[in-house]
Amino acid sequence: MDLLATTTRTRRAPGREADSMAVASFVMGLLGLLVFNLVLGPCALVLGAMAIARGTGRRARAILGLVLGVADLVVLAVLVTADHTVSWQFAG
């Protein structure tokens, strides 16, 4: 009986899980503009798409995460093309 009670308590509602994915997508996309855009950009894309597919209540945040994930990859492409590096360079 304790096993059943434990598994019931640890499960999340599907809508709540999708909402968490939408928020995580947004945060990763936003952070990816500053650091680790090679990693955080694709993560934001995947989490945003999964949140939308699972029917999140925070659809706008998931879409924003998708847009920011694409922006991360665009910034990465511009950096690689301009400087031939995948890092920011503030010094001249």
PDB file of N, CA and C in Angstrom:
ATOM      1  N   MET A   1       0.813  -1.189   0.000  1.00  0.00           N
ATOM      2  CA  MET A   1       0.000   0.000   0.000  1.00  0.00           C
ATOM      3  C   MET A   1       0.863   1.262   0.000  1.00  0.00           C
ATOM      4  N   ASP A   2       2.003   1.232   0.701  1.00  0.00           N
ATOM      5  CA  ASP A   2       2.879   2.392   0.732  1.00  0.00           C
ATOM      6  C   ASP A   2       3.485   2.675  -0.633  1.00  0.00           C
ATOM      7  N   LEU A   3       3.777   1.627  -1.398  1.00  0.00           N
ATOM      8  CA  LEU A   3       4.343   1.807  -2.725  1.00  0.00           C
ATOM      9  C   LEU A   3       3.371   2.551  -3.633  1.00  0.00           C
ATOM     10  N   LEU A   4       2.110   2.206  -3.570  1.00  0.00           N
ATOM     11  CA  LEU A   4       1.091   2.870  -4.372  1.00  0.00           C
ATOM     12  C   LEU A   4       0.947   4.329  -3.966  1.00  0.00           C
ATOM     13  N   ALA A   5       0.968   4.593  -2.684  1.00  0.00           N
ATOM     14  CA  ALA A   5       0.846   5.961  -2.198  1.00  0.00           C
ATOM     15  C   ALA A   5       2.055   6.793  -2.608  1.00  0.00           C
ATOM     16  N   THR A   6       3.233   6.203  -2.592  1.00  0.00           N
ATOM     17  CA  THR A   6       4.446   6.916  -2.961  1.00  0.00           C
ATOM     18  C   THR A   6       4.447   7.261  -4.445  1.00  0.00           C
ATOM     19  N   THR A   7       4.077   6.329  -5.298  1.00  0.00           N
ATOM     20  CA  THR A   7       4.071   6.598  -6.733  1.00  0.00           C
ATOM     21  C   THR A   7       2.994   7.601  -7.102  1.00  0.00           C
ATOM     22  N   THR A   8       1.896   7.622  -6.383  1.00  0.00           N
ATOM     23  CA  THR A   8       0.839   8.580  -6.677  1.00  0.00           C
ATOM     24  C   THR A   8       1.270   9.991  -6.305  1.00  0.00           C
ATOM     25  N   ARG A   9       2.002  10.135  -5.229  1.00  0.00           N
ATOM     26  CA  ARG A   9       2.448  11.453  -4.795  1.00  0.00           C
ATOM     27  C   ARG A   9       3.542  12.018  -5.696  1.00  0.00           C
ATOM     28  N   THR A  10       4.380  11.185  -6.257  1.00  0.00           N
ATOM     29  CA  THR A  10       5.503  11.686  -7.045  1.00  0.00           C
ATOM     30  C   THR A  10       5.122  11.998  -8.488  1.00  0.00           C
ATOM     31  N   ARG A  11       3.991  11.533  -8.950  1.00  0.00           N
ATOM     32  CA  ARG A  11       3.557  11.832 -10.313  1.00  0.00           C
ATOM     33  C   ARG A  11       3.053  13.261 -10.405  1.00  0.00           C
ATOM     34  N   ARG A  12       3.354  13.902 -11.541  1.00  0.00           N
ATOM     35  CA  ARG A  12       2.868  15.255 -11.794  1.00  0.00           C
ATOM     36  C   ARG A  12       1.733  15.194 -12.791  1.00  0.00           C
ATOM     37  N   ALA A  13       0.892  16.185 -12.733  1.00  0.00           N
ATOM     38  CA  ALA A  13      -0.174  16.292 -13.723  1.00  0.00           C
ATOM     39  C   ALA A  13       0.444  16.647 -15.064  1.00  0.00           C
ATOM     40  N   PRO A  14      -0.065  16.080 -16.165  1.00  0.00           N
ATOM     41  CA  PRO A  14       0.519  16.341 -17.483  1.00  0.00           C
ATOM     42  C   PRO A  14       0.514  17.826 -17.865  1.00  0.00           C
ATOM     43  N   GLY A  15      -0.518  18.556 -17.519  1.00  0.00           N
ATOM     44  CA  GLY A  15      -0.576  19.982 -17.840  1.00  0.00           C
ATOM     45  C   GLY A  15       0.465  20.771 -17.092  1.00  0.00           C
ATOM     46  N   ARG A  16       0.684  20.415 -15.846  1.00  0.00           N
ATOM     47  CA  ARG A  16       1.673  21.116 -15.029  1.00  0.00           C
ATOM     48  C   ARG A  16       3.088  20.833 -15.541  1.00  0.00           C
ATOM     49  N   GLU A  17       3.320  19.618 -15.970  1.00  0.00           N
ATOM     50  CA  GLU A  17       4.627  19.260 -16.533  1.00  0.00           C
ATOM     51  C   GLU A  17       4.881  20.038 -17.817  1.00  0.00           C
ATOM     52  N   ALA A  18       3.878  20.177 -18.660  1.00  0.00           N
ATOM     53  CA  ALA A  18       4.024  20.934 -19.901  1.00  0.00           C
ATOM     54  C   ALA A  18       4.264  22.409 -19.606  1.00  0.00           C
ATOM     55  N   ASP A  19       3.611  22.950 -18.575  1.00  0.00           N
ATOM     56  CA  ASP A  19       3.840  24.341 -18.186  1.00  0.00           C
ATOM     57  C   ASP A  19       5.280  24.541 -17.727  1.00  0.00           C
ATOM     58  N   SER A  20       5.797  23.582 -16.981  1.00  0.00           N
ATOM     59  CA  SER A  20       7.193  23.658 -16.529  1.00  0.00           C
ATOM     60  C   SER A  20       8.149  23.604 -17.714  1.00  0.00           C
ATOM     61  N   MET A  21       7.828  22.791 -18.712  1.00  0.00           N
ATOM     62  CA  MET A  21       8.661  22.723 -19.912  1.00  0.00           C
ATOM     63  C   MET A  21       8.649  24.054 -20.661  1.00  0.00           C
ATOM     64  N   ALA A  22       7.490  24.701 -20.710  1.00  0.00           N
ATOM     65  CA  ALA A  22       7.390  25.992 -21.393  1.00  0.00           C
ATOM     66  C   ALA A  22       8.251  27.040 -20.707  1.00  0.00           C
ATOM     67  N   VAL A  23       8.194  27.076 -19.393  1.00  0.00           N
ATOM     68  CA  VAL A  23       9.005  28.038 -18.633  1.00  0.00           C
ATOM     69  C   VAL A  23      10.486  27.723 -18.800  1.00  0.00           C
ATOM     70  N   ALA A  24      10.848  26.459 -18.728  1.00  0.00           N
ATOM     71  CA  ALA A  24      12.254  26.060 -18.897  1.00  0.00           C
ATOM     72  C   ALA A  24      12.753  26.423 -20.295  1.00  0.00           C
ATOM     73  N   SER A  25      11.907  26.258 -21.291  1.00  0.00           N
ATOM     74  CA  SER A  25      12.277  26.615 -22.658  1.00  0.00           C
ATOM     75  C   SER A  25      12.564  28.108 -22.765  1.00  0.00           C
ATOM     76  N   PHE A  26      11.709  28.909 -22.169  1.00  0.00           N
ATOM     77  CA  PHE A  26      11.896  30.355 -22.193  1.00  0.00           C
ATOM     78  C   PHE A  26      13.195  30.762 -21.496  1.00  0.00           C
ATOM     79  N   VAL A  27      13.429  30.207 -20.310  1.00  0.00           N
ATOM     80  CA  VAL A  27      14.627  30.555 -19.536  1.00  0.00           C
ATOM     81  C   VAL A  27      15.890  30.104 -20.261  1.00  0.00           C
ATOM     82  N   MET A  28      15.886  28.891 -20.810  1.00  0.00           N
ATOM     83  CA  MET A  28      17.066  28.406 -21.532  1.00  0.00           C
ATOM     84  C   MET A  28      17.327  29.231 -22.784  1.00  0.00           C
ATOM     85  N   GLY A  29      16.275  29.609 -23.479  1.00  0.00           N
ATOM     86  CA  GLY A  29      16.447  30.443 -24.664  1.00  0.00           C
ATOM     87  C   GLY A  29      17.011  31.805 -24.319  1.00  0.00           C
ATOM     88  N   LEU A  30      16.543  32.369 -23.217  1.00  0.00           N
ATOM     89  CA  LEU A  30      17.021  33.673 -22.783  1.00  0.00           C
ATOM     90  C   LEU A  30      18.482  33.607 -22.341  1.00  0.00           C
ATOM     91  N   LEU A  31      18.815  32.609 -21.560  1.00  0.00           N
ATOM     92  CA  LEU A  31      20.207  32.441 -21.120  1.00  0.00           C
ATOM     93  C   LEU A  31      21.130  32.103 -22.288  1.00  0.00           C
ATOM     94  N   GLY A  32      20.600  31.386 -23.257  1.00  0.00           N
ATOM     95  CA  GLY A  32      21.397  30.991 -24.406  1.00  0.00           C
ATOM     96  C   GLY A  32      21.871  32.166 -25.238  1.00  0.00           C
ATOM     97  N   LEU A  33      21.183  33.298 -25.143  1.00  0.00           N
ATOM     98  CA  LEU A  33      21.647  34.478 -25.859  1.00  0.00           C
ATOM     99  C   LEU A  33      22.949  35.005 -25.274  1.00  0.00           C
ATOM    100  N   LEU A  34      23.189  34.692 -24.004  1.00  0.00           N
ATOM    101  CA  LEU A  34      24.381  35.199 -23.323  1.00  0.00           C
ATOM    102  C   LEU A  34      25.504  34.166 -23.244  1.00  0.00           C
ATOM    103  N   VAL A  35      25.164  32.930 -22.876  1.00  0.00           N
ATOM    104  CA  VAL A  35      26.178  31.890 -22.683  1.00  0.00           C
ATOM    105  C   VAL A  35      25.672  30.559 -23.217  1.00  0.00           C
ATOM    106  N   PHE A  36      26.565  29.712 -23.607  1.00  0.00           N
ATOM    107  CA  PHE A  36      26.276  28.331 -24.026  1.00  0.00           C
ATOM    108  C   PHE A  36      25.165  28.224 -25.069  1.00  0.00           C
ATOM    109  N   ASN A  37      25.185  29.115 -26.067  1.00  0.00           N
ATOM    110  CA  ASN A  37      24.118  29.076 -27.066  1.00  0.00           C
ATOM    111  C   ASN A  37      24.130  27.797 -27.887  1.00  0.00           C
ATOM    112  N   LEU A  38      25.260  27.138 -27.963  1.00  0.00           N
ATOM    113  CA  LEU A  38      25.342  25.872 -28.686  1.00  0.00           C
ATOM    114  C   LEU A  38      24.533  24.780 -28.000  1.00  0.00           C
ATOM    115  N   VAL A  39      24.444  24.831 -26.679  1.00  0.00           N
ATOM    116  CA  VAL A  39      23.725  23.815 -25.906  1.00  0.00           C
ATOM    117  C   VAL A  39      22.310  24.271 -25.571  1.00  0.00           C
ATOM    118  N   LEU A  40      22.181  25.491 -25.073  1.00  0.00           N
ATOM    119  CA  LEU A  40      20.892  25.964 -24.579  1.00  0.00           C
ATOM    120  C   LEU A  40      19.886  26.257 -25.703  1.00  0.00           C
ATOM    121  N   GLY A  41      20.370  26.648 -26.870  1.00  0.00           N
ATOM    122  CA  GLY A  41      19.472  26.915 -27.999  1.00  0.00           C
ATOM    123  C   GLY A  41      18.674  25.687 -28.416  1.00  0.00           C
ATOM    124  N   PRO A  42      19.353  24.572 -28.730  1.00  0.00           N
ATOM    125  CA  PRO A  42      18.602  23.364 -29.085  1.00  0.00           C
ATOM    126  C   PRO A  42      17.723  22.833 -27.937  1.00  0.00           C
ATOM    127  N   CYS A  43      18.201  22.961 -26.701  1.00  0.00           N
ATOM    128  CA  CYS A  43      17.377  22.530 -25.549  1.00  0.00           C
ATOM    129  C   CYS A  43      16.090  23.345 -25.476  1.00  0.00           C
ATOM    130  N   ALA A  44      16.198  24.659 -25.709  1.00  0.00           N
ATOM    131  CA  ALA A  44      15.019  25.519 -25.699  1.00  0.00           C
ATOM    132  C   ALA A  44      14.049  25.118 -26.809  1.00  0.00           C
ATOM    133  N   LEU A  45      14.585  24.780 -27.962  1.00  0.00           N
ATOM    134  CA  LEU A  45      13.735  24.353 -29.082  1.00  0.00           C
ATOM    135  C   LEU A  45      12.982  23.069 -28.753  1.00  0.00           C
ATOM    136  N   VAL A  46      13.699  22.101 -28.217  1.00  0.00           N
ATOM    137  CA  VAL A  46      13.077  20.803 -27.908  1.00  0.00           C
ATOM    138  C   VAL A  46      12.031  20.951 -26.811  1.00  0.00           C
ATOM    139  N   LEU A  47      12.370  21.647 -25.735  1.00  0.00           N
ATOM    140  CA  LEU A  47      11.418  21.806 -24.633  1.00  0.00           C
ATOM    141  C   LEU A  47      10.196  22.617 -25.053  1.00  0.00           C
ATOM    142  N   GLY A  48      10.404  23.653 -25.861  1.00  0.00           N
ATOM    143  CA  GLY A  48       9.265  24.442 -26.344  1.00  0.00           C
ATOM    144  C   GLY A  48       8.331  23.617 -27.214  1.00  0.00           C
ATOM    145  N   ALA A  49       8.910  22.828 -28.107  1.00  0.00           N
ATOM    146  CA  ALA A  49       8.085  21.976 -28.984  1.00  0.00           C
ATOM    147  C   ALA A  49       7.332  20.912 -28.178  1.00  0.00           C
ATOM    148  N   MET A  50       8.013  20.325 -27.183  1.00  0.00           N
ATOM    149  CA  MET A  50       7.353  19.313 -26.357  1.00  0.00           C
ATOM    150  C   MET A  50       6.227  19.929 -25.518  1.00  0.00           C
ATOM    151  N   ALA A  51       6.440  21.137 -25.018  1.00  0.00           N
ATOM    152  CA  ALA A  51       5.406  21.804 -24.223  1.00  0.00           C
ATOM    153  C   ALA A  51       4.178  22.095 -25.070  1.00  0.00           C
ATOM    154  N   ILE A  52       4.385  22.553 -26.290  1.00  0.00           N
ATOM    155  CA  ILE A  52       3.252  22.830 -27.175  1.00  0.00           C
ATOM    156  C   ILE A  52       2.539  21.539 -27.546  1.00  0.00           C
ATOM    157  N   ALA A  53       3.295  20.490 -27.822  1.00  0.00           N
ATOM    158  CA  ALA A  53       2.695  19.204 -28.186  1.00  0.00           C
ATOM    159  C   ALA A  53       1.886  18.607 -27.037  1.00  0.00           C
ATOM    160  N   ARG A  54       2.301  18.871 -25.807  1.00  0.00           N
ATOM    161  CA  ARG A  54       1.578  18.333 -24.646  1.00  0.00           C
ATOM    162  C   ARG A  54       0.453  19.242 -24.168  1.00  0.00           C
ATOM    163  N   GLY A  55       0.238  20.338 -24.850  1.00  0.00           N
ATOM    164  CA  GLY A  55      -0.892  21.204 -24.538  1.00  0.00           C
ATOM    165  C   GLY A  55      -0.696  22.066 -23.309  1.00  0.00           C
ATOM    166  N   THR A  56       0.362  22.837 -23.300  1.00  0.00           N
ATOM    167  CA  THR A  56       0.642  23.700 -22.163  1.00  0.00           C
ATOM    168  C   THR A  56      -0.355  24.850 -22.062  1.00  0.00           C
ATOM    169  N   GLY A  57      -0.571  25.313 -20.867  1.00  0.00           N
ATOM    170  CA  GLY A  57      -1.395  26.486 -20.651  1.00  0.00           C
ATOM    171  C   GLY A  57      -0.604  27.765 -20.874  1.00  0.00           C
ATOM    172  N   ARG A  58       0.707  27.641 -20.945  1.00  0.00           N
ATOM    173  CA  ARG A  58       1.601  28.779 -21.160  1.00  0.00           C
ATOM    174  C   ARG A  58       2.141  28.725 -22.588  1.00  0.00           C
ATOM    175  N   ARG A  59       1.239  28.708 -23.522  1.00  0.00           N
ATOM    176  CA  ARG A  59       1.602  28.565 -24.931  1.00  0.00           C
ATOM    177  C   ARG A  59       2.494  29.705 -25.424  1.00  0.00           C
ATOM    178  N   ALA A  60       2.196  30.929 -25.005  1.00  0.00           N
ATOM    179  CA  ALA A  60       3.002  32.076 -25.443  1.00  0.00           C
ATOM    180  C   ALA A  60       4.440  31.954 -24.950  1.00  0.00           C
ATOM    181  N   ARG A  61       4.616  31.471 -23.729  1.00  0.00           N
ATOM    182  CA  ARG A  61       5.970  31.319 -23.188  1.00  0.00           C
ATOM    183  C   ARG A  61       6.721  30.218 -23.937  1.00  0.00           C
ATOM    184  N   ALA A  62       6.016  29.155 -24.321  1.00  0.00           N
ATOM    185  CA  ALA A  62       6.655  28.082 -25.085  1.00  0.00           C
ATOM    186  C   ALA A  62       7.059  28.580 -26.472  1.00  0.00           C
ATOM    187  N   ILE A  63       6.206  29.377 -27.102  1.00  0.00           N
ATOM    188  CA  ILE A  63       6.532  29.930 -28.417  1.00  0.00           C
ATOM    189  C   ILE A  63       7.708  30.896 -28.304  1.00  0.00           C
ATOM    190  N   LEU A  64       7.726  31.687 -27.238  1.00  0.00           N
ATOM    191  CA  LEU A  64       8.853  32.581 -27.004  1.00  0.00           C
ATOM    192  C   LEU A  64      10.144  31.792 -26.795  1.00  0.00           C
ATOM    193  N   GLY A  65      10.051  30.652 -26.126  1.00  0.00           N
ATOM    194  CA  GLY A  65      11.210  29.782 -25.965  1.00  0.00           C
ATOM    195  C   GLY A  65      11.701  29.256 -27.299  1.00  0.00           C
ATOM    196  N   LEU A  66      10.776  28.900 -28.185  1.00  0.00           N
ATOM    197  CA  LEU A  66      11.149  28.457 -29.528  1.00  0.00           C
ATOM    198  C   LEU A  66      11.857  29.574 -30.298  1.00  0.00           C
ATOM    199  N   VAL A  67      11.302  30.772 -30.231  1.00  0.00           N
ATOM    200  CA  VAL A  67      11.887  31.913 -30.944  1.00  0.00           C
ATOM    201  C   VAL A  67      13.274  32.229 -30.397  1.00  0.00           C
ATOM    202  N   LEU A  68      13.415  32.211 -29.075  1.00  0.00           N
ATOM    203  CA  LEU A  68      14.719  32.481 -28.474  1.00  0.00           C
ATOM    204  C   LEU A  68      15.726  31.375 -28.790  1.00  0.00           C
ATOM    205  N   GLY A  69      15.255  30.131 -28.871  1.00  0.00           N
ATOM    206  CA  GLY A  69      16.141  29.030 -29.259  1.00  0.00           C
ATOM    207  C   GLY A  69      16.670  29.213 -30.669  1.00  0.00           C
ATOM    208  N   VAL A  70      15.816  29.656 -31.575  1.00  0.00           N
ATOM    209  CA  VAL A  70      16.253  29.935 -32.946  1.00  0.00           C
ATOM    210  C   VAL A  70      17.225  31.120 -32.945  1.00  0.00           C
ATOM    211  N   ALA A  71      16.921  32.145 -32.138  1.00  0.00           N
ATOM    212  CA  ALA A  71      17.819  33.300 -32.047  1.00  0.00           C
ATOM    213  C   ALA A  71      19.189  32.886 -31.514  1.00  0.00           C
ATOM    214  N   ASP A  72      19.222  31.957 -30.557  1.00  0.00           N
ATOM    215  CA  ASP A  72      20.501  31.445 -30.049  1.00  0.00           C
ATOM    216  C   ASP A  72      21.327  30.844 -31.169  1.00  0.00           C
ATOM    217  N   LEU A  73      20.698  30.061 -32.004  1.00  0.00           N
ATOM    218  CA  LEU A  73      21.416  29.408 -33.098  1.00  0.00           C
ATOM    219  C   LEU A  73      21.843  30.416 -34.168  1.00  0.00           C
ATOM    220  N   VAL A  74      21.038  31.452 -34.370  1.00  0.00           N
ATOM    221  CA  VAL A  74      21.415  32.505 -35.324  1.00  0.00           C
ATOM    222  C   VAL A  74      22.627  33.266 -34.795  1.00  0.00           C
ATOM    223  N   VAL A  75      22.619  33.597 -33.497  1.00  0.00           N
ATOM    224  CA  VAL A  75      23.768  34.271 -32.893  1.00  0.00           C
ATOM    225  C   VAL A  75      25.013  33.392 -33.021  1.00  0.00           C
ATOM    226  N   LEU A  76      24.855  32.110 -32.782  1.00  0.00           N
ATOM    227  CA  LEU A  76      25.978  31.185 -32.922  1.00  0.00           C
ATOM    228  C   LEU A  76      26.516  31.190 -34.358  1.00  0.00           C
ATOM    229  N   ALA A  77      25.620  31.147 -35.335  1.00  0.00           N
ATOM    230  CA  ALA A  77      26.041  31.143 -36.736  1.00  0.00           C
ATOM    231  C   ALA A  77      26.758  32.441 -37.097  1.00  0.00           C
ATOM    232  N   VAL A  78      26.270  33.565 -36.593  1.00  0.00           N
ATOM    233  CA  VAL A  78      26.916  34.847 -36.873  1.00  0.00           C
ATOM    234  C   VAL A  78      28.302  34.891 -36.238  1.00  0.00           C
ATOM    235  N   LEU A  79      28.421  34.411 -34.997  1.00  0.00           N
ATOM    236  CA  LEU A  79      29.721  34.400 -34.326  1.00  0.00           C
ATOM    237  C   LEU A  79      30.723  33.513 -35.050  1.00  0.00           C
ATOM    238  N   VAL A  80      30.276  32.353 -35.455  1.00  0.00           N
ATOM    239  CA  VAL A  80      31.170  31.430 -36.150  1.00  0.00           C
ATOM    240  C   VAL A  80      31.596  32.021 -37.493  1.00  0.00           C
ATOM    241  N   THR A  81      30.671  32.655 -38.189  1.00  0.00           N
ATOM    242  CA  THR A  81      30.985  33.239 -39.487  1.00  0.00           C
ATOM    243  C   THR A  81      31.914  34.444 -39.356  1.00  0.00           C
ATOM    244  N   ALA A  82      31.657  35.304 -38.386  1.00  0.00           N
ATOM    245  CA  ALA A  82      32.428  36.537 -38.244  1.00  0.00           C
ATOM    246  C   ALA A  82      33.807  36.308 -37.634  1.00  0.00           C
ATOM    247  N   ASP A  83      33.858  35.552 -36.546  1.00  0.00           N
ATOM    248  CA  ASP A  83      35.116  35.405 -35.803  1.00  0.00           C
ATOM    249  C   ASP A  83      35.753  34.027 -35.914  1.00  0.00           C
ATOM    250  N   HIS A  84      35.066  33.095 -36.524  1.00  0.00           N
ATOM    251  CA  HIS A  84      35.517  31.704 -36.583  1.00  0.00           C
ATOM    252  C   HIS A  84      35.712  31.123 -35.181  1.00  0.00           C
ATOM    253  N   THR A  85      34.825  31.506 -34.280  1.00  0.00           N
ATOM    254  CA  THR A  85      34.851  31.010 -32.902  1.00  0.00           C
ATOM    255  C   THR A  85      33.420  30.866 -32.405  1.00  0.00           C
ATOM    256  N   VAL A  86      33.232  30.098 -31.360  1.00  0.00           N
ATOM    257  CA  VAL A  86      31.886  29.922 -30.810  1.00  0.00           C
ATOM    258  C   VAL A  86      31.734  30.660 -29.487  1.00  0.00           C
ATOM    259  N   SER A  87      32.612  31.619 -29.206  1.00  0.00           N
ATOM    260  CA  SER A  87      32.531  32.352 -27.954  1.00  0.00           C
ATOM    261  C   SER A  87      32.448  33.850 -28.210  1.00  0.00           C
ATOM    262  N   TRP A  88      31.919  34.555 -27.207  1.00  0.00           N
ATOM    263  CA  TRP A  88      31.862  36.025 -27.275  1.00  0.00           C
ATOM    264  C   TRP A  88      33.273  36.551 -27.091  1.00  0.00           C
ATOM    265  N   GLN A  89      33.554  37.659 -27.731  1.00  0.00           N
ATOM    266  CA  GLN A  89      34.862  38.274 -27.568  1.00  0.00           C
ATOM    267  C   GLN A  89      34.644  39.771 -27.427  1.00  0.00           C
ATOM    268  N   PHE A  90      34.845  40.281 -26.197  1.00  0.00           N
ATOM    269  CA  PHE A  90      34.618  41.693 -25.937  1.00  0.00           C
ATOM    270  C   PHE A  90      35.849  42.541 -26.205  1.00  0.00           C
ATOM    271  N   ALA A  91      37.023  41.974 -26.056  1.00  0.00           N
ATOM    272  CA  ALA A  91      38.258  42.719 -26.281  1.00  0.00           C
ATOM    273  C   ALA A  91      38.513  42.860 -27.773  1.00  0.00           C
ATOM    274  N   GLY A  92      39.169  43.936 -28.162  1.00  0.00           N
ATOM    275  CA  GLY A  92      39.455  44.202 -29.563  1.00  0.00           C
ATOM    276  C   GLY A  92      40.481  43.306 -30.083  1.00  0.00           C
TER     277      GLY A  92
END
